[in-house]
Amino acid sequence: WTHLVGFIYFVYLGIAMAVSFVTGNNANADQACSLFWVLLLVAASSYCLMSSFFYHLCSCMGNDTRECTYRLDLAGIVVLIAVSYFTGIALGYRCFPELQFFYLVYSACIT
């Protein structure tokens, strides 16, 4: 059940951040881009927590259900790792747009 609590917290956090950005008057394109990457990370975290919740909830069912939810849990972990990596590149190189673009494209190609 702790994964469900984490999921609810991250959904609340994402909604609160989006609402505060929309209601703010001094938003610019750089802040919008940063918000996009942070909200993408929040969505990936939410997906990872929810898939893990379903795995632990359904792990006592039959083998087919357990295997399916296990794969869903692993997919959630992979999505969170990948999005964390891309978010780090996007936010870490935001002052250097050429390098940011290069590393994002290069990372997407080798992934």
PDB file of N, CA and C in Angstrom:
ATOM      1  N   TRP A   1       0.813  -1.192   0.000  1.00  0.00           N
ATOM      2  CA  TRP A   1       0.000   0.000   0.000  1.00  0.00           C
ATOM      3  C   TRP A   1       0.857   1.256   0.000  1.00  0.00           C
ATOM      4  N   THR A   2       2.116   1.128   0.372  1.00  0.00           N
ATOM      5  CA  THR A   2       2.972   2.311   0.382  1.00  0.00           C
ATOM      6  C   THR A   2       3.204   2.841  -1.035  1.00  0.00           C
ATOM      7  N   HIS A   3       3.202   1.955  -2.029  1.00  0.00           N
ATOM      8  CA  HIS A   3       3.354   2.411  -3.407  1.00  0.00           C
ATOM      9  C   HIS A   3       2.139   3.233  -3.829  1.00  0.00           C
ATOM     10  N   LEU A   4       0.977   2.869  -3.341  1.00  0.00           N
ATOM     11  CA  LEU A   4      -0.236   3.624  -3.659  1.00  0.00           C
ATOM     12  C   LEU A   4      -0.177   5.018  -3.035  1.00  0.00           C
ATOM     13  N   VAL A   5       0.329   5.112  -1.823  1.00  0.00           N
ATOM     14  CA  VAL A   5       0.474   6.418  -1.171  1.00  0.00           C
ATOM     15  C   VAL A   5       1.462   7.283  -1.952  1.00  0.00           C
ATOM     16  N   GLY A   6       2.564   6.709  -2.384  1.00  0.00           N
ATOM     17  CA  GLY A   6       3.530   7.443  -3.199  1.00  0.00           C
ATOM     18  C   GLY A   6       2.928   7.895  -4.514  1.00  0.00           C
ATOM     19  N   PHE A   7       2.148   7.029  -5.136  1.00  0.00           N
ATOM     20  CA  PHE A   7       1.479   7.390  -6.392  1.00  0.00           C
ATOM     21  C   PHE A   7       0.561   8.587  -6.181  1.00  0.00           C
ATOM     22  N   ILE A   8      -0.240   8.547  -5.140  1.00  0.00           N
ATOM     23  CA  ILE A   8      -1.168   9.648  -4.862  1.00  0.00           C
ATOM     24  C   ILE A   8      -0.390  10.940  -4.599  1.00  0.00           C
ATOM     25  N   TYR A   9       0.710  10.846  -3.870  1.00  0.00           N
ATOM     26  CA  TYR A   9       1.519  12.030  -3.588  1.00  0.00           C
ATOM     27  C   TYR A   9       2.097  12.624  -4.873  1.00  0.00           C
ATOM     28  N   PHE A  10       2.636  11.790  -5.756  1.00  0.00           N
ATOM     29  CA  PHE A  10       3.223  12.302  -6.983  1.00  0.00           C
ATOM     30  C   PHE A  10       2.169  12.883  -7.918  1.00  0.00           C
ATOM     31  N   VAL A  11       0.987  12.311  -7.962  1.00  0.00           N
ATOM     32  CA  VAL A  11      -0.086  12.891  -8.779  1.00  0.00           C
ATOM     33  C   VAL A  11      -0.473  14.253  -8.216  1.00  0.00           C
ATOM     34  N   TYR A  12      -0.601  14.337  -6.904  1.00  0.00           N
ATOM     35  CA  TYR A  12      -0.908  15.625  -6.272  1.00  0.00           C
ATOM     36  C   TYR A  12       0.189  16.651  -6.552  1.00  0.00           C
ATOM     37  N   LEU A  13       1.440  16.238  -6.433  1.00  0.00           N
ATOM     38  CA  LEU A  13       2.572  17.123  -6.681  1.00  0.00           C
ATOM     39  C   LEU A  13       2.559  17.639  -8.124  1.00  0.00           C
ATOM     40  N   GLY A  14       2.322  16.749  -9.072  1.00  0.00           N
ATOM     41  CA  GLY A  14       2.273  17.155 -10.479  1.00  0.00           C
ATOM     42  C   GLY A  14       1.153  18.129 -10.767  1.00  0.00           C
ATOM     43  N   ILE A  15      -0.013  17.858 -10.214  1.00  0.00           N
ATOM     44  CA  ILE A  15      -1.152  18.755 -10.426  1.00  0.00           C
ATOM     45  C   ILE A  15      -0.883  20.111  -9.784  1.00  0.00           C
ATOM     46  N   ALA A  16      -0.329  20.106  -8.580  1.00  0.00           N
ATOM     47  CA  ALA A  16      -0.046  21.367  -7.893  1.00  0.00           C
ATOM     48  C   ALA A  16       0.989  22.193  -8.656  1.00  0.00           C
ATOM     49  N   MET A  17       2.008  21.539  -9.196  1.00  0.00           N
ATOM     50  CA  MET A  17       3.018  22.265  -9.959  1.00  0.00           C
ATOM     51  C   MET A  17       2.432  22.836 -11.244  1.00  0.00           C
ATOM     52  N   ALA A  18       1.618  22.066 -11.927  1.00  0.00           N
ATOM     53  CA  ALA A  18       1.010  22.539 -13.175  1.00  0.00           C
ATOM     54  C   ALA A  18       0.061  23.701 -12.912  1.00  0.00           C
ATOM     55  N   VAL A  19      -0.733  23.602 -11.861  1.00  0.00           N
ATOM     56  CA  VAL A  19      -1.677  24.680 -11.544  1.00  0.00           C
ATOM     57  C   VAL A  19      -0.932  25.943 -11.142  1.00  0.00           C
ATOM     58  N   SER A  20       0.133  25.806 -10.357  1.00  0.00           N
ATOM     59  CA  SER A  20       0.870  26.995  -9.949  1.00  0.00           C
ATOM     60  C   SER A  20       1.574  27.643 -11.146  1.00  0.00           C
ATOM     61  N   PHE A  21       1.972  26.841 -12.120  1.00  0.00           N
ATOM     62  CA  PHE A  21       2.595  27.412 -13.319  1.00  0.00           C
ATOM     63  C   PHE A  21       1.564  28.147 -14.164  1.00  0.00           C
ATOM     64  N   VAL A  22       0.404  27.552 -14.323  1.00  0.00           N
ATOM     65  CA  VAL A  22      -0.634  28.155 -15.159  1.00  0.00           C
ATOM     66  C   VAL A  22      -1.157  29.442 -14.529  1.00  0.00           C
ATOM     67  N   THR A  23      -1.294  29.460 -13.211  1.00  0.00           N
ATOM     68  CA  THR A  23      -1.833  30.656 -12.554  1.00  0.00           C
ATOM     69  C   THR A  23      -0.776  31.732 -12.347  1.00  0.00           C
ATOM     70  N   GLY A  24       0.500  31.395 -12.516  1.00  0.00           N
ATOM     71  CA  GLY A  24       1.560  32.397 -12.368  1.00  0.00           C
ATOM     72  C   GLY A  24       1.576  33.365 -13.538  1.00  0.00           C
ATOM     73  N   ASN A  25       1.936  34.597 -13.263  1.00  0.00           N
ATOM     74  CA  ASN A  25       1.911  35.636 -14.299  1.00  0.00           C
ATOM     75  C   ASN A  25       3.248  35.826 -14.993  1.00  0.00           C
ATOM     76  N   ASN A  26       4.331  35.388 -14.389  1.00  0.00           N
ATOM     77  CA  ASN A  26       5.651  35.682 -14.945  1.00  0.00           C
ATOM     78  C   ASN A  26       6.310  34.431 -15.532  1.00  0.00           C
ATOM     79  N   ALA A  27       5.551  33.622 -16.235  1.00  0.00           N
ATOM     80  CA  ALA A  27       6.091  32.397 -16.824  1.00  0.00           C
ATOM     81  C   ALA A  27       6.713  32.719 -18.187  1.00  0.00           C
ATOM     82  N   ASN A  28       7.870  32.093 -18.445  1.00  0.00           N
ATOM     83  CA  ASN A  28       8.499  32.261 -19.754  1.00  0.00           C
ATOM     84  C   ASN A  28       8.749  30.891 -20.378  1.00  0.00           C
ATOM     85  N   ALA A  29       9.312  30.887 -21.565  1.00  0.00           N
ATOM     86  CA  ALA A  29       9.498  29.633 -22.307  1.00  0.00           C
ATOM     87  C   ALA A  29      10.489  28.710 -21.610  1.00  0.00           C
ATOM     88  N   ASP A  30      11.527  29.265 -20.992  1.00  0.00           N
ATOM     89  CA  ASP A  30      12.506  28.433 -20.294  1.00  0.00           C
ATOM     90  C   ASP A  30      11.878  27.724 -19.103  1.00  0.00           C
ATOM     91  N   GLN A  31      11.031  28.435 -18.366  1.00  0.00           N
ATOM     92  CA  GLN A  31      10.342  27.809 -17.238  1.00  0.00           C
ATOM     93  C   GLN A  31       9.350  26.760 -17.719  1.00  0.00           C
ATOM     94  N   ALA A  32       8.710  26.995 -18.843  1.00  0.00           N
ATOM     95  CA  ALA A  32       7.765  26.026 -19.388  1.00  0.00           C
ATOM     96  C   ALA A  32       8.490  24.752 -19.801  1.00  0.00           C
ATOM     97  N   CYS A  33       9.665  24.889 -20.393  1.00  0.00           N
ATOM     98  CA  CYS A  33      10.444  23.725 -20.793  1.00  0.00           C
ATOM     99  C   CYS A  33      10.906  22.939 -19.567  1.00  0.00           C
ATOM    100  N   SER A  34      11.368  23.649 -18.552  1.00  0.00           N
ATOM    101  CA  SER A  34      11.791  22.988 -17.315  1.00  0.00           C
ATOM    102  C   SER A  34      10.617  22.283 -16.651  1.00  0.00           C
ATOM    103  N   LEU A  35       9.458  22.944 -16.647  1.00  0.00           N
ATOM    104  CA  LEU A  35       8.267  22.327 -16.065  1.00  0.00           C
ATOM    105  C   LEU A  35       7.881  21.066 -16.822  1.00  0.00           C
ATOM    106  N   PHE A  36       7.997  21.092 -18.151  1.00  0.00           N
ATOM    107  CA  PHE A  36       7.693  19.901 -18.948  1.00  0.00           C
ATOM    108  C   PHE A  36       8.530  18.715 -18.496  1.00  0.00           C
ATOM    109  N   TRP A  37       9.842  18.925 -18.343  1.00  0.00           N
ATOM    110  CA  TRP A  37      10.717  17.812 -17.961  1.00  0.00           C
ATOM    111  C   TRP A  37      10.437  17.336 -16.542  1.00  0.00           C
ATOM    112  N   VAL A  38      10.152  18.262 -15.652  1.00  0.00           N
ATOM    113  CA  VAL A  38       9.849  17.863 -14.271  1.00  0.00           C
ATOM    114  C   VAL A  38       8.523  17.112 -14.217  1.00  0.00           C
ATOM    115  N   LEU A  39       7.520  17.584 -14.956  1.00  0.00           N
ATOM    116  CA  LEU A  39       6.234  16.875 -14.977  1.00  0.00           C
ATOM    117  C   LEU A  39       6.359  15.510 -15.653  1.00  0.00           C
ATOM    118  N   LEU A  40       7.229  15.407 -16.640  1.00  0.00           N
ATOM    119  CA  LEU A  40       7.477  14.102 -17.251  1.00  0.00           C
ATOM    120  C   LEU A  40       8.091  13.142 -16.231  1.00  0.00           C
ATOM    121  N   LEU A  41       8.992  13.642 -15.416  1.00  0.00           N
ATOM    122  CA  LEU A  41       9.590  12.827 -14.359  1.00  0.00           C
ATOM    123  C   LEU A  41       8.555  12.448 -13.308  1.00  0.00           C
ATOM    124  N   VAL A  42       7.675  13.353 -12.968  1.00  0.00           N
ATOM    125  CA  VAL A  42       6.603  13.058 -12.011  1.00  0.00           C
ATOM    126  C   VAL A  42       5.671  11.992 -12.591  1.00  0.00           C
ATOM    127  N   ALA A  43       5.353  12.090 -13.879  1.00  0.00           N
ATOM    128  CA  ALA A  43       4.490  11.087 -14.517  1.00  0.00           C
ATOM    129  C   ALA A  43       5.167   9.720 -14.556  1.00  0.00           C
ATOM    130  N   ALA A  44       6.458   9.691 -14.844  1.00  0.00           N
ATOM    131  CA  ALA A  44       7.182   8.413 -14.857  1.00  0.00           C
ATOM    132  C   ALA A  44       7.243   7.810 -13.462  1.00  0.00           C
ATOM    133  N   SER A  45       7.441   8.649 -12.462  1.00  0.00           N
ATOM    134  CA  SER A  45       7.452   8.151 -11.080  1.00  0.00           C
ATOM    135  C   SER A  45       6.087   7.601 -10.700  1.00  0.00           C
ATOM    136  N   SER A  46       5.046   8.292 -11.104  1.00  0.00           N
ATOM    137  CA  SER A  46       3.684   7.827 -10.817  1.00  0.00           C
ATOM    138  C   SER A  46       3.412   6.496 -11.493  1.00  0.00           C
ATOM    139  N   TYR A  47       3.833   6.362 -12.753  1.00  0.00           N
ATOM    140  CA  TYR A  47       3.643   5.103 -13.470  1.00  0.00           C
ATOM    141  C   TYR A  47       4.400   3.963 -12.792  1.00  0.00           C
ATOM    142  N   CYS A  48       5.632   4.229 -12.375  1.00  0.00           N
ATOM    143  CA  CYS A  48       6.435   3.215 -11.714  1.00  0.00           C
ATOM    144  C   CYS A  48       5.776   2.771 -10.405  1.00  0.00           C
ATOM    145  N   LEU A  49       5.313   3.727  -9.625  1.00  0.00           N
ATOM    146  CA  LEU A  49       4.679   3.388  -8.348  1.00  0.00           C
ATOM    147  C   LEU A  49       3.368   2.638  -8.552  1.00  0.00           C
ATOM    148  N   MET A  50       2.582   3.054  -9.543  1.00  0.00           N
ATOM    149  CA  MET A  50       1.305   2.377  -9.766  1.00  0.00           C
ATOM    150  C   MET A  50       1.508   0.960 -10.297  1.00  0.00           C
ATOM    151  N   SER A  51       2.462   0.776 -11.201  1.00  0.00           N
ATOM    152  CA  SER A  51       2.710  -0.573 -11.714  1.00  0.00           C
ATOM    153  C   SER A  51       3.255  -1.474 -10.604  1.00  0.00           C
ATOM    154  N   SER A  52       4.065  -0.929  -9.727  1.00  0.00           N
ATOM    155  CA  SER A  52       4.568  -1.705  -8.602  1.00  0.00           C
ATOM    156  C   SER A  52       3.436  -2.048  -7.635  1.00  0.00           C
ATOM    157  N   PHE A  53       2.531  -1.104  -7.423  1.00  0.00           N
ATOM    158  CA  PHE A  53       1.369  -1.373  -6.576  1.00  0.00           C
ATOM    159  C   PHE A  53       0.544  -2.526  -7.136  1.00  0.00           C
ATOM    160  N   PHE A  54       0.294  -2.505  -8.453  1.00  0.00           N
ATOM    161  CA  PHE A  54      -0.480  -3.590  -9.053  1.00  0.00           C
ATOM    162  C   PHE A  54       0.253  -4.924  -8.970  1.00  0.00           C
ATOM    163  N   TYR A  55       1.564  -4.906  -9.101  1.00  0.00           N
ATOM    164  CA  TYR A  55       2.319  -6.148  -8.980  1.00  0.00           C
ATOM    165  C   TYR A  55       2.180  -6.727  -7.579  1.00  0.00           C
ATOM    166  N   HIS A  56       2.369  -5.907  -6.580  1.00  0.00           N
ATOM    167  CA  HIS A  56       2.278  -6.416  -5.210  1.00  0.00           C
ATOM    168  C   HIS A  56       0.849  -6.792  -4.838  1.00  0.00           C
ATOM    169  N   LEU A  57      -0.115  -6.103  -5.414  1.00  0.00           N
ATOM    170  CA  LEU A  57      -1.509  -6.427  -5.154  1.00  0.00           C
ATOM    171  C   LEU A  57      -1.884  -7.766  -5.779  1.00  0.00           C
ATOM    172  N   CYS A  58      -1.402  -8.040  -6.978  1.00  0.00           N
ATOM    173  CA  CYS A  58      -1.792  -9.234  -7.719  1.00  0.00           C
ATOM    174  C   CYS A  58      -0.778 -10.367  -7.627  1.00  0.00           C
ATOM    175  N   SER A  59       0.247 -10.229  -6.817  1.00  0.00           N
ATOM    176  CA  SER A  59       1.281 -11.268  -6.773  1.00  0.00           C
ATOM    177  C   SER A  59       0.795 -12.563  -6.140  1.00  0.00           C
ATOM    178  N   CYS A  60      -0.297 -12.511  -5.408  1.00  0.00           N
ATOM    179  CA  CYS A  60      -0.811 -13.736  -4.793  1.00  0.00           C
ATOM    180  C   CYS A  60      -1.834 -14.443  -5.676  1.00  0.00           C
ATOM    181  N   MET A  61      -2.072 -13.932  -6.866  1.00  0.00           N
ATOM    182  CA  MET A  61      -3.013 -14.577  -7.781  1.00  0.00           C
ATOM    183  C   MET A  61      -2.292 -15.649  -8.584  1.00  0.00           C
ATOM    184  N   GLY A  62      -2.861 -16.087  -9.639  1.00  0.00           N
ATOM    185  CA  GLY A  62      -2.285 -17.151 -10.451  1.00  0.00           C
ATOM    186  C   GLY A  62      -0.973 -16.746 -11.103  1.00  0.00           C
ATOM    187  N   ASN A  63      -0.283 -17.747 -11.625  1.00  0.00           N
ATOM    188  CA  ASN A  63       1.031 -17.513 -12.224  1.00  0.00           C
ATOM    189  C   ASN A  63       0.963 -16.562 -13.422  1.00  0.00           C
ATOM    190  N   ASP A  64      -0.059 -16.687 -14.251  1.00  0.00           N
ATOM    191  CA  ASP A  64      -0.168 -15.816 -15.428  1.00  0.00           C
ATOM    192  C   ASP A  64      -0.345 -14.354 -15.021  1.00  0.00           C
ATOM    193  N   THR A  65      -1.189 -14.124 -14.045  1.00  0.00           N
ATOM    194  CA  THR A  65      -1.410 -12.753 -13.577  1.00  0.00           C
ATOM    195  C   THR A  65      -0.157 -12.203 -12.925  1.00  0.00           C
ATOM    196  N   ARG A  66       0.509 -13.030 -12.129  1.00  0.00           N
ATOM    197  CA  ARG A  66       1.733 -12.591 -11.468  1.00  0.00           C
ATOM    198  C   ARG A  66       2.812 -12.251 -12.486  1.00  0.00           C
ATOM    199  N   GLU A  67       2.968 -13.055 -13.506  1.00  0.00           N
ATOM    200  CA  GLU A  67       3.977 -12.790 -14.539  1.00  0.00           C
ATOM    201  C   GLU A  67       3.662 -11.507 -15.307  1.00  0.00           C
ATOM    202  N   CYS A  68       2.391 -11.309 -15.609  1.00  0.00           N
ATOM    203  CA  CYS A  68       1.993 -10.101 -16.341  1.00  0.00           C
ATOM    204  C   CYS A  68       2.260  -8.849 -15.511  1.00  0.00           C
ATOM    205  N   THR A  69       1.865  -8.875 -14.249  1.00  0.00           N
ATOM    206  CA  THR A  69       2.089  -7.698 -13.414  1.00  0.00           C
ATOM    207  C   THR A  69       3.569  -7.524 -13.069  1.00  0.00           C
ATOM    208  N   TYR A  70       4.325  -8.603 -13.046  1.00  0.00           N
ATOM    209  CA  TYR A  70       5.766  -8.507 -12.832  1.00  0.00           C
ATOM    210  C   TYR A  70       6.434  -7.779 -13.998  1.00  0.00           C
ATOM    211  N   ARG A  71       6.014  -8.123 -15.200  1.00  0.00           N
ATOM    212  CA  ARG A  71       6.551  -7.437 -16.380  1.00  0.00           C
ATOM    213  C   ARG A  71       6.132  -5.961 -16.388  1.00  0.00           C
ATOM    214  N   LEU A  72       4.914  -5.704 -15.946  1.00  0.00           N
ATOM    215  CA  LEU A  72       4.453  -4.325 -15.838  1.00  0.00           C
ATOM    216  C   LEU A  72       5.300  -3.559 -14.818  1.00  0.00           C
ATOM    217  N   ASP A  73       5.631  -4.194 -13.714  1.00  0.00           N
ATOM    218  CA  ASP A  73       6.475  -3.573 -12.695  1.00  0.00           C
ATOM    219  C   ASP A  73       7.867  -3.282 -13.246  1.00  0.00           C
ATOM    220  N   LEU A  74       8.444  -4.233 -13.956  1.00  0.00           N
ATOM    221  CA  LEU A  74       9.765  -4.015 -14.552  1.00  0.00           C
ATOM    222  C   LEU A  74       9.730  -2.909 -15.605  1.00  0.00           C
ATOM    223  N   ALA A  75       8.651  -2.847 -16.377  1.00  0.00           N
ATOM    224  CA  ALA A  75       8.515  -1.776 -17.363  1.00  0.00           C
ATOM    225  C   ALA A  75       8.446  -0.417 -16.680  1.00  0.00           C
ATOM    226  N   GLY A  76       7.768  -0.337 -15.547  1.00  0.00           N
ATOM    227  CA  GLY A  76       7.705   0.909 -14.796  1.00  0.00           C
ATOM    228  C   GLY A  76       9.070   1.344 -14.308  1.00  0.00           C
ATOM    229  N   ILE A  77       9.879   0.392 -13.868  1.00  0.00           N
ATOM    230  CA  ILE A  77      11.233   0.706 -13.414  1.00  0.00           C
ATOM    231  C   ILE A  77      12.083   1.206 -14.575  1.00  0.00           C
ATOM    232  N   VAL A  78      11.982   0.549 -15.722  1.00  0.00           N
ATOM    233  CA  VAL A  78      12.755   0.959 -16.901  1.00  0.00           C
ATOM    234  C   VAL A  78      12.339   2.347 -17.362  1.00  0.00           C
ATOM    235  N   VAL A  79      11.043   2.620 -17.379  1.00  0.00           N
ATOM    236  CA  VAL A  79      10.547   3.947 -17.787  1.00  0.00           C
ATOM    237  C   VAL A  79      11.080   5.012 -16.842  1.00  0.00           C
ATOM    238  N   LEU A  80      11.056   4.752 -15.544  1.00  0.00           N
ATOM    239  CA  LEU A  80      11.545   5.741 -14.587  1.00  0.00           C
ATOM    240  C   LEU A  80      13.037   5.992 -14.753  1.00  0.00           C
ATOM    241  N   ILE A  81      13.814   4.956 -14.983  1.00  0.00           N
ATOM    242  CA  ILE A  81      15.256   5.138 -15.182  1.00  0.00           C
ATOM    243  C   ILE A  81      15.525   5.951 -16.447  1.00  0.00           C
ATOM    244  N   ALA A  82      14.845   5.612 -17.536  1.00  0.00           N
ATOM    245  CA  ALA A  82      15.064   6.319 -18.800  1.00  0.00           C
ATOM    246  C   ALA A  82      14.657   7.783 -18.698  1.00  0.00           C
ATOM    247  N   VAL A  83      13.493   8.040 -18.147  1.00  0.00           N
ATOM    248  CA  VAL A  83      13.025   9.421 -18.039  1.00  0.00           C
ATOM    249  C   VAL A  83      13.915  10.216 -17.082  1.00  0.00           C
ATOM    250  N   SER A  84      14.391   9.585 -16.024  1.00  0.00           N
ATOM    251  CA  SER A  84      15.311  10.271 -15.108  1.00  0.00           C
ATOM    252  C   SER A  84      16.588  10.674 -15.833  1.00  0.00           C
ATOM    253  N   TYR A  85      17.085   9.803 -16.675  1.00  0.00           N
ATOM    254  CA  TYR A  85      18.305  10.090 -17.424  1.00  0.00           C
ATOM    255  C   TYR A  85      18.100  11.266 -18.380  1.00  0.00           C
ATOM    256  N   PHE A  86      17.010  11.213 -19.153  1.00  0.00           N
ATOM    257  CA  PHE A  86      16.738  12.291 -20.105  1.00  0.00           C
ATOM    258  C   PHE A  86      16.438  13.612 -19.394  1.00  0.00           C
ATOM    259  N   THR A  87      15.749  13.549 -18.268  1.00  0.00           N
ATOM    260  CA  THR A  87      15.467  14.764 -17.513  1.00  0.00           C
ATOM    261  C   THR A  87      16.752  15.382 -16.990  1.00  0.00           C
ATOM    262  N   GLY A  88      17.676  14.557 -16.525  1.00  0.00           N
ATOM    263  CA  GLY A  88      18.963  15.064 -16.054  1.00  0.00           C
ATOM    264  C   GLY A  88      19.730  15.771 -17.149  1.00  0.00           C
ATOM    265  N   ILE A  89      19.715  15.215 -18.332  1.00  0.00           N
ATOM    266  CA  ILE A  89      20.391  15.852 -19.468  1.00  0.00           C
ATOM    267  C   ILE A  89      19.703  17.171 -19.825  1.00  0.00           C
ATOM    268  N   ALA A  90      18.373  17.133 -19.913  1.00  0.00           N
ATOM    269  CA  ALA A  90      17.635  18.318 -20.336  1.00  0.00           C
ATOM    270  C   ALA A  90      17.790  19.467 -19.344  1.00  0.00           C
ATOM    271  N   LEU A  91      17.735  19.176 -18.070  1.00  0.00           N
ATOM    272  CA  LEU A  91      17.848  20.243 -17.085  1.00  0.00           C
ATOM    273  C   LEU A  91      19.298  20.618 -16.805  1.00  0.00           C
ATOM    274  N   GLY A  92      20.195  19.653 -16.890  1.00  0.00           N
ATOM    275  CA  GLY A  92      21.596  19.939 -16.624  1.00  0.00           C
ATOM    276  C   GLY A  92      22.266  20.771 -17.701  1.00  0.00           C
ATOM    277  N   TYR A  93      21.815  20.623 -18.931  1.00  0.00           N
ATOM    278  CA  TYR A  93      22.416  21.359 -20.054  1.00  0.00           C
ATOM    279  C   TYR A  93      21.509  22.463 -20.579  1.00  0.00           C
ATOM    280  N   ARG A  94      20.580  22.953 -19.783  1.00  0.00           N
ATOM    281  CA  ARG A  94      19.649  23.966 -20.289  1.00  0.00           C
ATOM    282  C   ARG A  94      20.339  25.294 -20.596  1.00  0.00           C
ATOM    283  N   CYS A  95      21.493  25.531 -20.010  1.00  0.00           N
ATOM    284  CA  CYS A  95      22.246  26.755 -20.325  1.00  0.00           C
ATOM    285  C   CYS A  95      23.069  26.608 -21.604  1.00  0.00           C
ATOM    286  N   PHE A  96      23.181  25.370 -22.094  1.00  0.00           N
ATOM    287  CA  PHE A  96      23.938  25.084 -23.311  1.00  0.00           C
ATOM    288  C   PHE A  96      23.026  24.338 -24.287  1.00  0.00           C
ATOM    289  N   PRO A  97      22.169  25.050 -25.013  1.00  0.00           N
ATOM    290  CA  PRO A  97      21.146  24.394 -25.835  1.00  0.00           C
ATOM    291  C   PRO A  97      21.708  23.476 -26.916  1.00  0.00           C
ATOM    292  N   GLU A  98      22.868  23.816 -27.481  1.00  0.00           N
ATOM    293  CA  GLU A  98      23.434  22.962 -28.526  1.00  0.00           C
ATOM    294  C   GLU A  98      23.872  21.613 -27.944  1.00  0.00           C
ATOM    295  N   LEU A  99      24.546  21.673 -26.793  1.00  0.00           N
ATOM    296  CA  LEU A  99      24.959  20.431 -26.142  1.00  0.00           C
ATOM    297  C   LEU A  99      23.756  19.646 -25.641  1.00  0.00           C
ATOM    298  N   GLN A 100      22.754  20.336 -25.151  1.00  0.00           N
ATOM    299  CA  GLN A 100      21.536  19.678 -24.690  1.00  0.00           C
ATOM    300  C   GLN A 100      20.893  18.900 -25.829  1.00  0.00           C
ATOM    301  N   PHE A 101      20.726  19.550 -26.963  1.00  0.00           N
ATOM    302  CA  PHE A 101      20.126  18.899 -28.119  1.00  0.00           C
ATOM    303  C   PHE A 101      20.965  17.698 -28.558  1.00  0.00           C
ATOM    304  N   PHE A 102      22.287  17.880 -28.630  1.00  0.00           N
ATOM    305  CA  PHE A 102      23.165  16.797 -29.055  1.00  0.00           C
ATOM    306  C   PHE A 102      23.046  15.592 -28.120  1.00  0.00           C
ATOM    307  N   TYR A 103      23.139  15.824 -26.819  1.00  0.00           N
ATOM    308  CA  TYR A 103      23.096  14.709 -25.880  1.00  0.00           C
ATOM    309  C   TYR A 103      21.721  14.045 -25.823  1.00  0.00           C
ATOM    310  N   LEU A 104      20.665  14.826 -25.959  1.00  0.00           N
ATOM    311  CA  LEU A 104      19.332  14.223 -25.975  1.00  0.00           C
ATOM    312  C   LEU A 104      19.142  13.335 -27.207  1.00  0.00           C
ATOM    313  N   VAL A 105      19.556  13.842 -28.364  1.00  0.00           N
ATOM    314  CA  VAL A 105      19.420  13.052 -29.598  1.00  0.00           C
ATOM    315  C   VAL A 105      20.323  11.838 -29.544  1.00  0.00           C
ATOM    316  N   TYR A 106      21.559  12.017 -29.100  1.00  0.00           N
ATOM    317  CA  TYR A 106      22.497  10.906 -29.018  1.00  0.00           C
ATOM    318  C   TYR A 106      21.985   9.831 -28.045  1.00  0.00           C
ATOM    319  N   SER A 107      21.492  10.261 -26.902  1.00  0.00           N
ATOM    320  CA  SER A 107      20.968   9.299 -25.926  1.00  0.00           C
ATOM    321  C   SER A 107      19.733   8.576 -26.450  1.00  0.00           C
ATOM    322  N   ALA A 108      18.887   9.292 -27.171  1.00  0.00           N
ATOM    323  CA  ALA A 108      17.704   8.654 -27.739  1.00  0.00           C
ATOM    324  C   ALA A 108      18.085   7.633 -28.801  1.00  0.00           C
ATOM    325  N   CYS A 109      19.154   7.917 -29.553  1.00  0.00           N
ATOM    326  CA  CYS A 109      19.585   6.993 -30.608  1.00  0.00           C
ATOM    327  C   CYS A 109      20.192   5.712 -30.032  1.00  0.00           C
ATOM    328  N   ILE A 110      20.940   5.834 -28.955  1.00  0.00           N
ATOM    329  CA  ILE A 110      21.593   4.634 -28.412  1.00  0.00           C
ATOM    330  C   ILE A 110      20.688   3.863 -27.444  1.00  0.00           C
ATOM    331  N   THR A 111      19.552   4.443 -27.117  1.00  0.00           N
ATOM    332  CA  THR A 111      18.650   3.763 -26.182  1.00  0.00           C
ATOM    333  C   THR A 111      17.902   2.685 -26.831  1.00  0.00           C
TER     334      THR A 111
END
